[in-house]
Amino acid sequence: MDESKEEQVTRREFMKAVIVTIGGVITAAVGLPAIPYVIGPALKKDSADWIPLGTVSKVELNDPTLFKARIETQTGWINAEEEISVYVLTPDGQDFIAMSNICTHLGCRVRWIPEEDGFFCPCHNGVFARDGSVVSGPPPKPLDRYETKIEDGVLFIKRG
C-alpha cells in the first residue's frame, strides 16, 4: 500500500477544516465583544454618588425647605432620569436633616403645612412632625432620611 495516499488530505476534509476555522473566527469576532455587553450590567456595582441639592443659604432656620434634584439611574441596560424631592431642615444652620417627601404608608407625596407645623399626606391623612416622625394616621414609620454633607456651601445628599 502507498503511504503517501494515507497521509494526503482529501479535498472534502480540507474544505471541512477551512469552514470550521472560518466559523470559529466569526464566532470569536462576534462572541467575545458581546460577553461584556451581556454580563456587564450584572457586575456593575451601585455607586454611592452624592447628589447636589443647592446652597445651604436657601435653608431657613427651623423651616423645612423643599429641594428638587434630577438623578439618572441605570437598571441593566435601561437608563432613566427621575426627579426627587427632599425636605431639608436645620435647627442651627450647622446641622442639616434631609428627609424624603414620600409617605412611608403608600408612597404618596407629603407637603409641609406651616400653619399646622407638620407634614401632611393627602392620601390617607397621615401627619408627620417637623422632624419627620409620625404624629398620626396610618404611616408605619417616620419619613426616610438621607445622609448629608456640605462642600463649598453646597448641600449634598447621598444616593442610597
C-alpha atoms as a PDB file:
ATOM      1  CA  MET A   1       0.000   0.000   0.000  1.00  0.00           C
ATOM      2  CA  ASP A   2       1.186   3.513  -0.794  1.00  0.00           C
ATOM      3  CA  GLU A   3       1.943   5.544   2.383  1.00  0.00           C
ATOM      4  CA  SER A   4       1.687   8.901   0.610  1.00  0.00           C
ATOM      5  CA  LYS A   5      -2.036   8.308  -0.111  1.00  0.00           C
ATOM      6  CA  GLU A   6      -2.766   7.697   3.597  1.00  0.00           C
ATOM      7  CA  GLU A   7      -1.139  10.999   4.616  1.00  0.00           C
ATOM      8  CA  GLN A   8      -2.791  13.115   1.937  1.00  0.00           C
ATOM      9  CA  VAL A   9      -5.722  15.284   2.966  1.00  0.00           C
ATOM     10  CA  THR A  10      -8.716  14.907   0.746  1.00  0.00           C
ATOM     11  CA  ARG A  11     -10.446  17.896  -0.773  1.00  0.00           C
ATOM     12  CA  ARG A  12     -13.526  17.227   1.387  1.00  0.00           C
ATOM     13  CA  GLU A  13     -11.502  17.161   4.632  1.00  0.00           C
ATOM     14  CA  PHE A  14      -9.661  20.355   3.649  1.00  0.00           C
ATOM     15  CA  MET A  15     -12.963  22.185   2.986  1.00  0.00           C
ATOM     16  CA  LYS A  16     -14.350  20.989   6.338  1.00  0.00           C
ATOM     17  CA  ALA A  17     -11.277  22.335   8.131  1.00  0.00           C
ATOM     18  CA  VAL A  18     -11.491  25.684   6.333  1.00  0.00           C
ATOM     19  CA  ILE A  19     -15.226  26.052   7.099  1.00  0.00           C
ATOM     20  CA  VAL A  20     -14.724  25.170  10.786  1.00  0.00           C
ATOM     21  CA  THR A  21     -11.844  27.653  11.031  1.00  0.00           C
ATOM     22  CA  ILE A  22     -13.846  30.454   9.394  1.00  0.00           C
ATOM     23  CA  GLY A  23     -16.820  29.668  11.655  1.00  0.00           C
ATOM     24  CA  GLY A  24     -14.575  29.808  14.707  1.00  0.00           C
ATOM     25  CA  VAL A  25     -13.119  33.168  13.679  1.00  0.00           C
ATOM     26  CA  ILE A  26     -16.617  34.627  13.095  1.00  0.00           C
ATOM     27  CA  THR A  27     -17.880  33.248  16.414  1.00  0.00           C
ATOM     28  CA  ALA A  28     -14.899  34.735  18.261  1.00  0.00           C
ATOM     29  CA  ALA A  29     -15.268  38.086  16.463  1.00  0.00           C
ATOM     30  CA  VAL A  30     -18.947  38.369  17.439  1.00  0.00           C
ATOM     31  CA  GLY A  31     -18.980  36.473  20.728  1.00  0.00           C
ATOM     32  CA  LEU A  32     -16.018  37.929  22.585  1.00  0.00           C
ATOM     33  CA  PRO A  33     -17.156  41.575  22.387  1.00  0.00           C
ATOM     34  CA  ALA A  34     -20.707  40.506  23.303  1.00  0.00           C
ATOM     35  CA  ILE A  35     -19.662  38.938  26.619  1.00  0.00           C
ATOM     36  CA  PRO A  36     -19.004  42.238  28.459  1.00  0.00           C
ATOM     37  CA  TYR A  37     -22.178  43.709  26.939  1.00  0.00           C
ATOM     38  CA  VAL A  38     -24.290  40.828  28.235  1.00  0.00           C
ATOM     39  CA  ILE A  39     -22.814  40.389  31.711  1.00  0.00           C
ATOM     40  CA  GLY A  40     -21.531  43.949  32.305  1.00  0.00           C
ATOM     41  CA  PRO A  41     -24.685  45.410  33.895  1.00  0.00           C
ATOM     42  CA  ALA A  42     -24.929  42.481  36.300  1.00  0.00           C
ATOM     43  CA  LEU A  43     -21.375  43.051  37.506  1.00  0.00           C
ATOM     44  CA  LYS A  44     -21.689  46.823  37.838  1.00  0.00           C
ATOM     45  CA  LYS A  45     -21.750  47.920  41.474  1.00  0.00           C
ATOM     46  CA  ASP A  46     -24.155  50.554  42.737  1.00  0.00           C
ATOM     47  CA  SER A  47     -22.359  53.809  43.187  1.00  0.00           C
ATOM     48  CA  ALA A  48     -22.683  55.880  46.324  1.00  0.00           C
ATOM     49  CA  ASP A  49     -22.982  59.172  44.490  1.00  0.00           C
ATOM     50  CA  TRP A  50     -23.594  62.454  46.226  1.00  0.00           C
ATOM     51  CA  ILE A  51     -26.438  64.483  44.740  1.00  0.00           C
ATOM     52  CA  PRO A  52     -26.169  68.291  44.942  1.00  0.00           C
ATOM     53  CA  LEU A  53     -29.362  69.938  46.196  1.00  0.00           C
ATOM     54  CA  GLY A  54     -28.414  73.613  46.381  1.00  0.00           C
ATOM     55  CA  THR A  55     -26.773  76.176  48.568  1.00  0.00           C
ATOM     56  CA  VAL A  56     -27.212  75.973  52.310  1.00  0.00           C
ATOM     57  CA  SER A  57     -28.212  79.648  52.360  1.00  0.00           C
ATOM     58  CA  LYS A  58     -31.607  78.637  50.917  1.00  0.00           C
ATOM     59  CA  VAL A  59     -32.476  76.702  54.078  1.00  0.00           C
ATOM     60  CA  GLU A  60     -34.131  78.849  56.741  1.00  0.00           C
ATOM     61  CA  LEU A  61     -33.731  78.008  60.412  1.00  0.00           C
ATOM     62  CA  ASN A  62     -36.406  75.606  61.714  1.00  0.00           C
ATOM     63  CA  ASP A  63     -38.348  75.788  58.444  1.00  0.00           C
ATOM     64  CA  PRO A  64     -38.336  72.701  56.195  1.00  0.00           C
ATOM     65  CA  THR A  65     -37.270  73.734  52.704  1.00  0.00           C
ATOM     66  CA  LEU A  66     -38.158  71.683  49.645  1.00  0.00           C
ATOM     67  CA  PHE A  67     -35.332  70.906  47.198  1.00  0.00           C
ATOM     68  CA  LYS A  68     -35.701  69.098  43.883  1.00  0.00           C
ATOM     69  CA  ALA A  69     -32.929  67.287  42.055  1.00  0.00           C
ATOM     70  CA  ARG A  70     -32.702  65.219  38.890  1.00  0.00           C
ATOM     71  CA  ILE A  71     -30.877  61.916  39.119  1.00  0.00           C
ATOM     72  CA  GLU A  72     -30.031  59.354  36.479  1.00  0.00           C
ATOM     73  CA  THR A  73     -30.448  55.693  37.339  1.00  0.00           C
ATOM     74  CA  GLN A  74     -29.413  52.623  35.409  1.00  0.00           C
ATOM     75  CA  THR A  75     -31.130  49.274  35.733  1.00  0.00           C
ATOM     76  CA  GLY A  76     -29.492  46.752  33.448  1.00  0.00           C
ATOM     77  CA  TRP A  77     -29.397  48.490  30.088  1.00  0.00           C
ATOM     78  CA  ILE A  78     -32.214  50.899  30.890  1.00  0.00           C
ATOM     79  CA  ASN A  79     -31.209  54.459  31.770  1.00  0.00           C
ATOM     80  CA  ALA A  80     -33.866  56.590  33.400  1.00  0.00           C
ATOM     81  CA  GLU A  81     -33.915  60.119  34.711  1.00  0.00           C
ATOM     82  CA  GLU A  82     -36.108  60.930  37.656  1.00  0.00           C
ATOM     83  CA  GLU A  83     -36.763  63.910  39.863  1.00  0.00           C
ATOM     84  CA  ILE A  84     -36.511  63.520  43.602  1.00  0.00           C
ATOM     85  CA  SER A  85     -37.824  65.940  46.184  1.00  0.00           C
ATOM     86  CA  VAL A  86     -36.226  66.362  49.583  1.00  0.00           C
ATOM     87  CA  TYR A  87     -37.176  68.481  52.580  1.00  0.00           C
ATOM     88  CA  VAL A  88     -34.175  69.928  54.398  1.00  0.00           C
ATOM     89  CA  LEU A  89     -34.364  71.202  57.978  1.00  0.00           C
ATOM     90  CA  THR A  90     -31.703  72.902  60.067  1.00  0.00           C
ATOM     91  CA  PRO A  91     -32.174  73.853  63.706  1.00  0.00           C
ATOM     92  CA  ASP A  92     -28.909  75.806  63.961  1.00  0.00           C
ATOM     93  CA  GLY A  93     -27.531  76.447  60.460  1.00  0.00           C
ATOM     94  CA  GLN A  94     -24.756  73.883  61.002  1.00  0.00           C
ATOM     95  CA  ASP A  95     -26.538  70.522  61.171  1.00  0.00           C
ATOM     96  CA  PHE A  96     -28.890  69.561  58.361  1.00  0.00           C
ATOM     97  CA  ILE A  97     -31.603  66.908  58.258  1.00  0.00           C
ATOM     98  CA  ALA A  98     -32.678  65.772  54.781  1.00  0.00           C
ATOM     99  CA  MET A  99     -35.987  63.895  54.604  1.00  0.00           C
ATOM    100  CA  SER A 100     -37.789  62.264  51.711  1.00  0.00           C
ATOM    101  CA  ASN A 101     -41.144  63.731  50.795  1.00  0.00           C
ATOM    102  CA  ILE A 102     -42.553  60.249  50.155  1.00  0.00           C
ATOM    103  CA  CYS A 103     -45.029  58.948  52.729  1.00  0.00           C
ATOM    104  CA  THR A 104     -43.968  55.661  54.296  1.00  0.00           C
ATOM    105  CA  HIS A 105     -47.530  54.334  54.113  1.00  0.00           C
ATOM    106  CA  LEU A 106     -48.313  54.078  50.396  1.00  0.00           C
ATOM    107  CA  GLY A 107     -45.738  56.326  48.731  1.00  0.00           C
ATOM    108  CA  CYS A 108     -47.788  59.492  48.296  1.00  0.00           C
ATOM    109  CA  ARG A 109     -46.022  62.850  48.359  1.00  0.00           C
ATOM    110  CA  VAL A 110     -46.227  64.768  51.616  1.00  0.00           C
ATOM    111  CA  ARG A 111     -46.493  68.554  51.901  1.00  0.00           C
ATOM    112  CA  TRP A 112     -45.192  70.892  54.579  1.00  0.00           C
ATOM    113  CA  ILE A 113     -48.090  72.849  56.092  1.00  0.00           C
ATOM    114  CA  PRO A 114     -46.607  75.729  58.131  1.00  0.00           C
ATOM    115  CA  GLU A 115     -49.945  76.551  59.793  1.00  0.00           C
ATOM    116  CA  GLU A 116     -50.173  73.000  61.152  1.00  0.00           C
ATOM    117  CA  ASP A 117     -46.414  72.811  61.907  1.00  0.00           C
ATOM    118  CA  GLY A 118     -46.153  69.418  60.206  1.00  0.00           C
ATOM    119  CA  PHE A 119     -46.113  67.367  57.063  1.00  0.00           C
ATOM    120  CA  PHE A 120     -49.449  66.185  55.692  1.00  0.00           C
ATOM    121  CA  CYS A 121     -50.087  63.199  53.413  1.00  0.00           C
ATOM    122  CA  PRO A 122     -53.267  63.734  51.378  1.00  0.00           C
ATOM    123  CA  CYS A 123     -53.835  60.043  50.579  1.00  0.00           C
ATOM    124  CA  HIS A 124     -54.883  58.712  53.990  1.00  0.00           C
ATOM    125  CA  ASN A 125     -54.433  61.721  56.269  1.00  0.00           C
ATOM    126  CA  GLY A 126     -51.007  60.773  57.562  1.00  0.00           C
ATOM    127  CA  VAL A 127     -49.366  63.500  59.653  1.00  0.00           C
ATOM    128  CA  PHE A 128     -45.644  63.833  60.363  1.00  0.00           C
ATOM    129  CA  ALA A 129     -43.894  66.204  62.781  1.00  0.00           C
ATOM    130  CA  ARG A 130     -41.302  68.776  61.715  1.00  0.00           C
ATOM    131  CA  ASP A 131     -38.525  66.198  62.205  1.00  0.00           C
ATOM    132  CA  GLY A 132     -40.356  63.576  60.101  1.00  0.00           C
ATOM    133  CA  SER A 133     -41.635  61.430  62.959  1.00  0.00           C
ATOM    134  CA  VAL A 134     -45.176  60.055  62.747  1.00  0.00           C
ATOM    135  CA  VAL A 135     -47.825  62.090  64.596  1.00  0.00           C
ATOM    136  CA  SER A 136     -50.998  60.351  63.431  1.00  0.00           C
ATOM    137  CA  GLY A 137     -52.538  58.275  60.700  1.00  0.00           C
ATOM    138  CA  PRO A 138     -51.520  55.030  59.065  1.00  0.00           C
ATOM    139  CA  PRO A 139     -47.800  55.629  58.241  1.00  0.00           C
ATOM    140  CA  PRO A 140     -45.814  52.808  59.881  1.00  0.00           C
ATOM    141  CA  LYS A 141     -42.536  54.715  60.280  1.00  0.00           C
ATOM    142  CA  PRO A 142     -41.023  58.217  60.037  1.00  0.00           C
ATOM    143  CA  LEU A 143     -40.055  59.855  56.758  1.00  0.00           C
ATOM    144  CA  ASP A 144     -36.893  58.373  55.292  1.00  0.00           C
ATOM    145  CA  ARG A 145     -33.692  60.359  55.803  1.00  0.00           C
ATOM    146  CA  TYR A 146     -30.643  60.946  53.665  1.00  0.00           C
ATOM    147  CA  GLU A 147     -27.051  61.305  54.751  1.00  0.00           C
ATOM    148  CA  THR A 148     -25.879  64.884  54.139  1.00  0.00           C
ATOM    149  CA  LYS A 149     -22.617  66.723  53.612  1.00  0.00           C
ATOM    150  CA  ILE A 150     -21.653  70.292  52.776  1.00  0.00           C
ATOM    151  CA  GLU A 151     -18.879  71.282  50.377  1.00  0.00           C
ATOM    152  CA  ASP A 152     -18.178  74.908  49.469  1.00  0.00           C
ATOM    153  CA  GLY A 153     -21.583  75.998  50.748  1.00  0.00           C
ATOM    154  CA  VAL A 154     -23.469  73.403  48.673  1.00  0.00           C
ATOM    155  CA  LEU A 155     -25.642  70.804  50.369  1.00  0.00           C
ATOM    156  CA  PHE A 156     -25.344  67.204  49.108  1.00  0.00           C
ATOM    157  CA  ILE A 157     -27.337  64.080  49.919  1.00  0.00           C
ATOM    158  CA  LYS A 158     -26.066  60.554  49.494  1.00  0.00           C
ATOM    159  CA  ARG A 159     -27.876  58.423  46.949  1.00  0.00           C
ATOM    160  CA  GLY A 160     -28.954  55.219  48.548  1.00  0.00           C
END
